[in-house]
PDB file of N, CA and C in Angstrom:
ATOM      1  N   MET A   1      88.130  98.933  40.907  1.00  0.00           N
ATOM      2  CA  MET A   1      87.271  98.774  40.358  1.00  0.00           C
ATOM      3  C   MET A   1      86.953  96.942  39.688  1.00  0.00           C
ATOM      4  N   ARG A   2      86.101  96.851  39.090  1.00  0.00           N
ATOM      5  CA  ARG A   2      86.313  94.926  39.274  1.00  0.00           C
ATOM      6  C   ARG A   2      86.855  94.756  38.080  1.00  0.00           C
ATOM      7  N   TYR A   3      86.215  95.789  36.857  1.00  0.00           N
ATOM      8  CA  TYR A   3      86.984  95.320  35.584  1.00  0.00           C
ATOM      9  C   TYR A   3      88.149  96.380  35.074  1.00  0.00           C
ATOM     10  N   ASP A   4      88.633  97.446  35.735  1.00  0.00           N
ATOM     11  CA  ASP A   4      89.672  98.495  35.581  1.00  0.00           C
ATOM     12  C   ASP A   4      89.246  99.071  34.491  1.00  0.00           C
ATOM     13  N   GLY A   5      87.690  99.852  34.731  1.00  0.00           N
ATOM     14  CA  GLY A   5      87.025 100.824  33.778  1.00  0.00           C
ATOM     15  C   GLY A   5      87.272 102.102  34.681  1.00  0.00           C
ATOM     16  N   ASP A   6      86.902 103.047  33.820  1.00  0.00           N
ATOM     17  CA  ASP A   6      86.984 104.350  34.507  1.00  0.00           C
ATOM     18  C   ASP A   6      85.435 104.227  35.600  1.00  0.00           C
ATOM     19  N   TYR A   7      84.828 104.987  36.414  1.00  0.00           N
ATOM     20  CA  TYR A   7      84.368 105.162  37.154  1.00  0.00           C
ATOM     21  C   TYR A   7      82.920 106.544  36.546  1.00  0.00           C
ATOM     22  N   ILE A   8      82.315 106.287  35.925  1.00  0.00           N
ATOM     23  CA  ILE A   8      81.158 106.786  35.696  1.00  0.00           C
ATOM     24  C   ILE A   8      79.623 107.202  36.832  1.00  0.00           C
ATOM     25  N   ASP A   9      79.850 108.684  36.538  1.00  0.00           N
ATOM     26  CA  ASP A   9      78.814 108.737  37.917  1.00  0.00           C
ATOM     27  C   ASP A   9      77.270 108.546  37.220  1.00  0.00           C
ATOM     28  N   ALA A  10      76.463 108.476  37.806  1.00  0.00           N
ATOM     29  CA  ALA A  10      75.096 108.151  37.236  1.00  0.00           C
ATOM     30  C   ALA A  10      74.235 109.599  37.315  1.00  0.00           C
ATOM     31  N   GLY A  11      74.290 110.138  37.682  1.00  0.00           N
ATOM     32  CA  GLY A  11      73.795 111.495  37.917  1.00  0.00           C
ATOM     33  C   GLY A  11      72.622 112.111  39.109  1.00  0.00           C
ATOM     34  N   ALA A  12      73.012 113.052  39.328  1.00  0.00           N
ATOM     35  CA  ALA A  12      71.786 113.192  40.447  1.00  0.00           C
ATOM     36  C   ALA A  12      70.575 112.557  40.531  1.00  0.00           C
ATOM     37  N   ASP A  13      70.161 112.587  39.456  1.00  0.00           N
ATOM     38  CA  ASP A  13      68.955 112.125  39.176  1.00  0.00           C
ATOM     39  C   ASP A  13      68.628 110.759  38.916  1.00  0.00           C
ATOM     40  N   TYR A  14      69.464 110.143  38.887  1.00  0.00           N
ATOM     41  CA  TYR A  14      69.664 108.386  38.892  1.00  0.00           C
ATOM     42  C   TYR A  14      68.327 108.026  39.423  1.00  0.00           C
ATOM     43  N   TYR A  15      67.832 108.047  40.625  1.00  0.00           N
ATOM     44  CA  TYR A  15      67.252 107.493  41.519  1.00  0.00           C
ATOM     45  C   TYR A  15      66.108 107.612  40.787  1.00  0.00           C
ATOM     46  N   GLU A  16      65.478 108.931  40.753  1.00  0.00           N
ATOM     47  CA  GLU A  16      64.249 109.752  39.974  1.00  0.00           C
ATOM     48  C   GLU A  16      64.032 108.653  38.722  1.00  0.00           C
ATOM     49  N   ARG A  17      65.015 108.619  37.939  1.00  0.00           N
ATOM     50  CA  ARG A  17      64.713 107.908  36.633  1.00  0.00           C
ATOM     51  C   ARG A  17      64.232 106.397  37.092  1.00  0.00           C
ATOM     52  N   ARG A  18      65.186 106.155  37.524  1.00  0.00           N
ATOM     53  CA  ARG A  18      65.039 104.649  37.705  1.00  0.00           C
ATOM     54  C   ARG A  18      63.607 104.520  38.301  1.00  0.00           C
ATOM     55  N   ASP A  19      63.508 105.144  39.322  1.00  0.00           N
ATOM     56  CA  ASP A  19      62.028 104.826  39.915  1.00  0.00           C
ATOM     57  C   ASP A  19      60.765 104.910  38.835  1.00  0.00           C
ATOM     58  N   GLN A  20      61.086 106.204  38.013  1.00  0.00           N
ATOM     59  CA  GLN A  20      59.939 106.187  36.897  1.00  0.00           C
ATOM     60  C   GLN A  20      59.913 105.071  36.023  1.00  0.00           C
ATOM     61  N   ARG A  21      60.977 104.498  35.032  1.00  0.00           N
ATOM     62  CA  ARG A  21      60.888 103.209  34.887  1.00  0.00           C
ATOM     63  C   ARG A  21      60.457 101.962  35.049  1.00  0.00           C
ATOM     64  N   ASN A  22      60.679 101.504  36.484  1.00  0.00           N
ATOM     65  CA  ASN A  22      60.382 101.176  37.311  1.00  0.00           C
ATOM     66  C   ASN A  22      58.592 101.321  37.155  1.00  0.00           C
ATOM     67  N   ARG A  23      58.319 102.188  37.702  1.00  0.00           N
ATOM     68  CA  ARG A  23      56.837 102.473  38.069  1.00  0.00           C
ATOM     69  C   ARG A  23      55.947 102.200  36.276  1.00  0.00           C
ATOM     70  N   GLU A  24      56.769 102.887  35.615  1.00  0.00           N
ATOM     71  CA  GLU A  24      56.077 102.315  33.976  1.00  0.00           C
ATOM     72  C   GLU A  24      55.945 100.952  33.896  1.00  0.00           C
ATOM     73  N   HIS A  25      56.460 100.304  34.409  1.00  0.00           N
ATOM     74  CA  HIS A  25      57.057  98.728  34.079  1.00  0.00           C
ATOM     75  C   HIS A  25      55.954  97.845  34.624  1.00  0.00           C
ATOM     76  N   LEU A  26      56.059  98.218  36.300  1.00  0.00           N
ATOM     77  CA  LEU A  26      54.749  98.112  36.811  1.00  0.00           C
ATOM     78  C   LEU A  26      53.405  98.147  36.399  1.00  0.00           C
ATOM     79  N   VAL A  27      52.971  99.009  36.087  1.00  0.00           N
ATOM     80  CA  VAL A  27      52.079  99.700  35.166  1.00  0.00           C
ATOM     81  C   VAL A  27      51.969  98.795  34.259  1.00  0.00           C
ATOM     82  N   ARG A  28      52.685  98.947  33.343  1.00  0.00           N
ATOM     83  CA  ARG A  28      52.383  98.000  32.065  1.00  0.00           C
ATOM     84  C   ARG A  28      52.186  96.511  32.937  1.00  0.00           C
ATOM     85  N   TYR A  29      53.283  96.127  33.243  1.00  0.00           N
ATOM     86  CA  TYR A  29      52.705  94.366  33.681  1.00  0.00           C
ATOM     87  C   TYR A  29      51.333  93.995  34.498  1.00  0.00           C
ATOM     88  N   HIS A  30      51.081  94.847  35.393  1.00  0.00           N
ATOM     89  CA  HIS A  30      49.585  94.852  36.047  1.00  0.00           C
ATOM     90  C   HIS A  30      47.952  94.867  35.150  1.00  0.00           C
ATOM     91  N   GLN A  31      48.526  96.071  34.176  1.00  0.00           N
ATOM     92  CA  GLN A  31      47.202  96.046  33.196  1.00  0.00           C
ATOM     93  C   GLN A  31      47.080  94.697  32.557  1.00  0.00           C
ATOM     94  N   HIS A  32      48.272  94.091  31.642  1.00  0.00           N
ATOM     95  CA  HIS A  32      48.005  92.807  31.187  1.00  0.00           C
ATOM     96  C   HIS A  32      48.102  92.003  31.804  1.00  0.00           C
ATOM     97  N   ALA A  33      48.104  91.872  33.369  1.00  0.00           N
ATOM     98  CA  ALA A  33      48.380  90.673  33.596  1.00  0.00           C
ATOM     99  C   ALA A  33      46.461  90.825  34.364  1.00  0.00           C
ATOM    100  N   LEU A  34      45.865  92.023  34.696  1.00  0.00           N
ATOM    101  CA  LEU A  34      44.268  91.808  34.654  1.00  0.00           C
ATOM    102  C   LEU A  34      43.886  91.433  33.274  1.00  0.00           C
ATOM    103  N   ALA A  35      44.421  92.156  32.128  1.00  0.00           N
ATOM    104  CA  ALA A  35      43.591  92.126  30.699  1.00  0.00           C
ATOM    105  C   ALA A  35      43.735  90.467  30.283  1.00  0.00           C
ATOM    106  N   HIS A  36      44.733  89.947  30.868  1.00  0.00           N
ATOM    107  CA  HIS A  36      45.040  88.371  31.014  1.00  0.00           C
ATOM    108  C   HIS A  36      43.469  87.684  31.585  1.00  0.00           C
ATOM    109  N   PHE A  37      43.397  88.151  32.625  1.00  0.00           N
ATOM    110  CA  PHE A  37      41.875  87.467  33.270  1.00  0.00           C
ATOM    111  C   PHE A  37      40.641  87.964  33.075  1.00  0.00           C
ATOM    112  N   GLY A  38      40.715  88.784  31.948  1.00  0.00           N
ATOM    113  CA  GLY A  38      39.817  89.173  31.043  1.00  0.00           C
ATOM    114  C   GLY A  38      38.781  90.618  31.720  1.00  0.00           C
ATOM    115  N   TYR A  39      39.903  91.305  32.691  1.00  0.00           N
ATOM    116  CA  TYR A  39      39.712  92.536  32.653  1.00  0.00           C
ATOM    117  C   TYR A  39      39.792  93.566  31.711  1.00  0.00           C
ATOM    118  N   GLN A  40      39.271  95.248  31.643  1.00  0.00           N
ATOM    119  CA  GLN A  40      39.209  95.937  30.954  1.00  0.00           C
ATOM    120  C   GLN A  40      39.879  97.060  31.998  1.00  0.00           C
ATOM    121  N   VAL A  41      40.832  97.203  31.793  1.00  0.00           N
ATOM    122  CA  VAL A  41      41.588  98.356  32.891  1.00  0.00           C
ATOM    123  C   VAL A  41      42.044 100.055  32.257  1.00  0.00           C
ATOM    124  N   THR A  42      40.778 101.093  33.103  1.00  0.00           N
ATOM    125  CA  THR A  42      40.973 101.996  32.314  1.00  0.00           C
ATOM    126  C   THR A  42      42.182 103.046  33.771  1.00  0.00           C
ATOM    127  N   LEU A  43      43.029 103.889  33.187  1.00  0.00           N
ATOM    128  CA  LEU A  43      44.011 104.501  34.318  1.00  0.00           C
ATOM    129  C   LEU A  43      43.664 105.759  33.918  1.00  0.00           C
ATOM    130  N   ALA A  44      43.740 106.674  35.380  1.00  0.00           N
ATOM    131  CA  ALA A  44      43.257 107.863  35.176  1.00  0.00           C
ATOM    132  C   ALA A  44      44.220 108.606  36.474  1.00  0.00           C
ATOM    133  N   ALA A  45      44.916 109.526  35.912  1.00  0.00           N
ATOM    134  CA  ALA A  45      45.611 110.353  36.661  1.00  0.00           C
ATOM    135  C   ALA A  45      45.082 110.482  37.895  1.00  0.00           C
ATOM    136  N   PRO A  46      46.063 110.571  39.321  1.00  0.00           N
ATOM    137  CA  PRO A  46      45.710 110.966  40.423  1.00  0.00           C
ATOM    138  C   PRO A  46      45.490 112.177  40.166  1.00  0.00           C
ATOM    139  N   GLY A  47      44.373 112.808  41.248  1.00  0.00           N
ATOM    140  CA  GLY A  47      43.621 114.122  41.563  1.00  0.00           C
ATOM    141  C   GLY A  47      42.556 114.072  39.959  1.00  0.00           C
ATOM    142  N   ASP A  48      42.086 113.473  39.502  1.00  0.00           N
ATOM    143  CA  ASP A  48      41.210 112.607  38.420  1.00  0.00           C
ATOM    144  C   ASP A  48      40.115 112.752  38.696  1.00  0.00           C
ATOM    145  N   THR A  49      38.872 113.885  39.473  1.00  0.00           N
ATOM    146  CA  THR A  49      37.971 113.722  40.382  1.00  0.00           C
ATOM    147  C   THR A  49      36.787 113.122  38.917  1.00  0.00           C
ATOM    148  N   GLY A  50      36.821 113.325  38.159  1.00  0.00           N
ATOM    149  CA  GLY A  50      35.299 112.651  37.051  1.00  0.00           C
ATOM    150  C   GLY A  50      35.553 110.979  37.219  1.00  0.00           C
ATOM    151  N   PRO A  51      33.745 110.931  36.894  1.00  0.00           N
ATOM    152  CA  PRO A  51      33.272 109.436  37.319  1.00  0.00           C
ATOM    153  C   PRO A  51      34.221 108.849  36.222  1.00  0.00           C
ATOM    154  N   PRO A  52      34.391 106.959  36.432  1.00  0.00           N
ATOM    155  CA  PRO A  52      34.648 106.518  35.242  1.00  0.00           C
ATOM    156  C   PRO A  52      34.182 106.437  34.104  1.00  0.00           C
ATOM    157  N   PRO A  53      34.279 106.637  32.865  1.00  0.00           N
ATOM    158  CA  PRO A  53      33.398 106.337  31.807  1.00  0.00           C
ATOM    159  C   PRO A  53      32.569 105.173  32.032  1.00  0.00           C
ATOM    160  N   GLY A  54      31.668 105.132  31.451  1.00  0.00           N
ATOM    161  CA  GLY A  54      30.715 104.066  31.251  1.00  0.00           C
ATOM    162  C   GLY A  54      31.188 103.379  30.283  1.00  0.00           C
ATOM    163  N   PRO A  55      30.406 102.139  29.966  1.00  0.00           N
ATOM    164  CA  PRO A  55      30.197 101.135  28.721  1.00  0.00           C
ATOM    165  C   PRO A  55      30.118 101.348  27.373  1.00  0.00           C
ATOM    166  N   GLY A  56      28.827 102.359  27.282  1.00  0.00           N
ATOM    167  CA  GLY A  56      28.589 103.091  25.996  1.00  0.00           C
ATOM    168  C   GLY A  56      29.764 104.756  26.099  1.00  0.00           C
ATOM    169  N   THR A  57      30.343 104.958  26.606  1.00  0.00           N
ATOM    170  CA  THR A  57      30.946 106.240  26.554  1.00  0.00           C
ATOM    171  C   THR A  57      32.403 106.270  25.924  1.00  0.00           C
ATOM    172  N   PRO A  58      32.276 107.287  24.571  1.00  0.00           N
ATOM    173  CA  PRO A  58      33.660 107.016  23.765  1.00  0.00           C
ATOM    174  C   PRO A  58      34.513 107.733  24.300  1.00  0.00           C
ATOM    175  N   PRO A  59      36.045 107.393  24.359  1.00  0.00           N
ATOM    176  CA  PRO A  59      36.912 107.655  24.726  1.00  0.00           C
ATOM    177  C   PRO A  59      37.598 109.282  24.604  1.00  0.00           C
ATOM    178  N   GLY A  60      37.521 109.780  25.365  1.00  0.00           N
ATOM    179  CA  GLY A  60      38.053 111.226  25.296  1.00  0.00           C
ATOM    180  C   GLY A  60      36.820 112.413  25.858  1.00  0.00           C
ATOM    181  N   THR A  61      35.732 111.997  26.296  1.00  0.00           N
ATOM    182  CA  THR A  61      34.111 112.558  26.810  1.00  0.00           C
ATOM    183  C   THR A  61      34.004 112.257  28.184  1.00  0.00           C
ATOM    184  N   THR A  62      33.512 112.657  28.696  1.00  0.00           N
ATOM    185  CA  THR A  62      32.740 112.595  30.477  1.00  0.00           C
ATOM    186  C   THR A  62      31.592 112.196  29.882  1.00  0.00           C
ATOM    187  N   GLN A  63      30.919 110.899  31.401  1.00  0.00           N
ATOM    188  CA  GLN A  63      29.686 110.969  31.053  1.00  0.00           C
ATOM    189  C   GLN A  63      28.921 112.882  31.334  1.00  0.00           C
ATOM    190  N   GLY A  64      27.566 112.612  30.960  1.00  0.00           N
ATOM    191  CA  GLY A  64      26.478 113.817  31.010  1.00  0.00           C
ATOM    192  C   GLY A  64      27.024 114.972  29.628  1.00  0.00           C
ATOM    193  N   GLN A  65      28.609 114.600  29.070  1.00  0.00           N
ATOM    194  CA  GLN A  65      28.864 115.091  27.998  1.00  0.00           C
ATOM    195  C   GLN A  65      28.477 114.697  25.988  1.00  0.00           C
ATOM    196  N   ALA A  66      27.789 115.518  25.816  1.00  0.00           N
ATOM    197  CA  ALA A  66      27.541 115.246  24.261  1.00  0.00           C
ATOM    198  C   ALA A  66      28.891 114.650  23.668  1.00  0.00           C
ATOM    199  N   ALA A  67      28.517 113.450  22.809  1.00  0.00           N
ATOM    200  CA  ALA A  67      30.154 112.910  21.886  1.00  0.00           C
ATOM    201  C   ALA A  67      29.735 113.766  20.377  1.00  0.00           C
TER     202      ALA A  67
END
């Protein structure tokens, strides 16, 4: 090894953990970049079939639902 140290295995799920950290970083980066240009970003999980909230819809409610 380069520094005469012991080899430490990264683990079977190394790539899954790395990809998840990178994904979270990219989401934050692009969300902040869009906010910098004046856009309001609302994220939804994949498969969320509900319509996007309108400008007067309180968080946590869907359109057509009483507040």
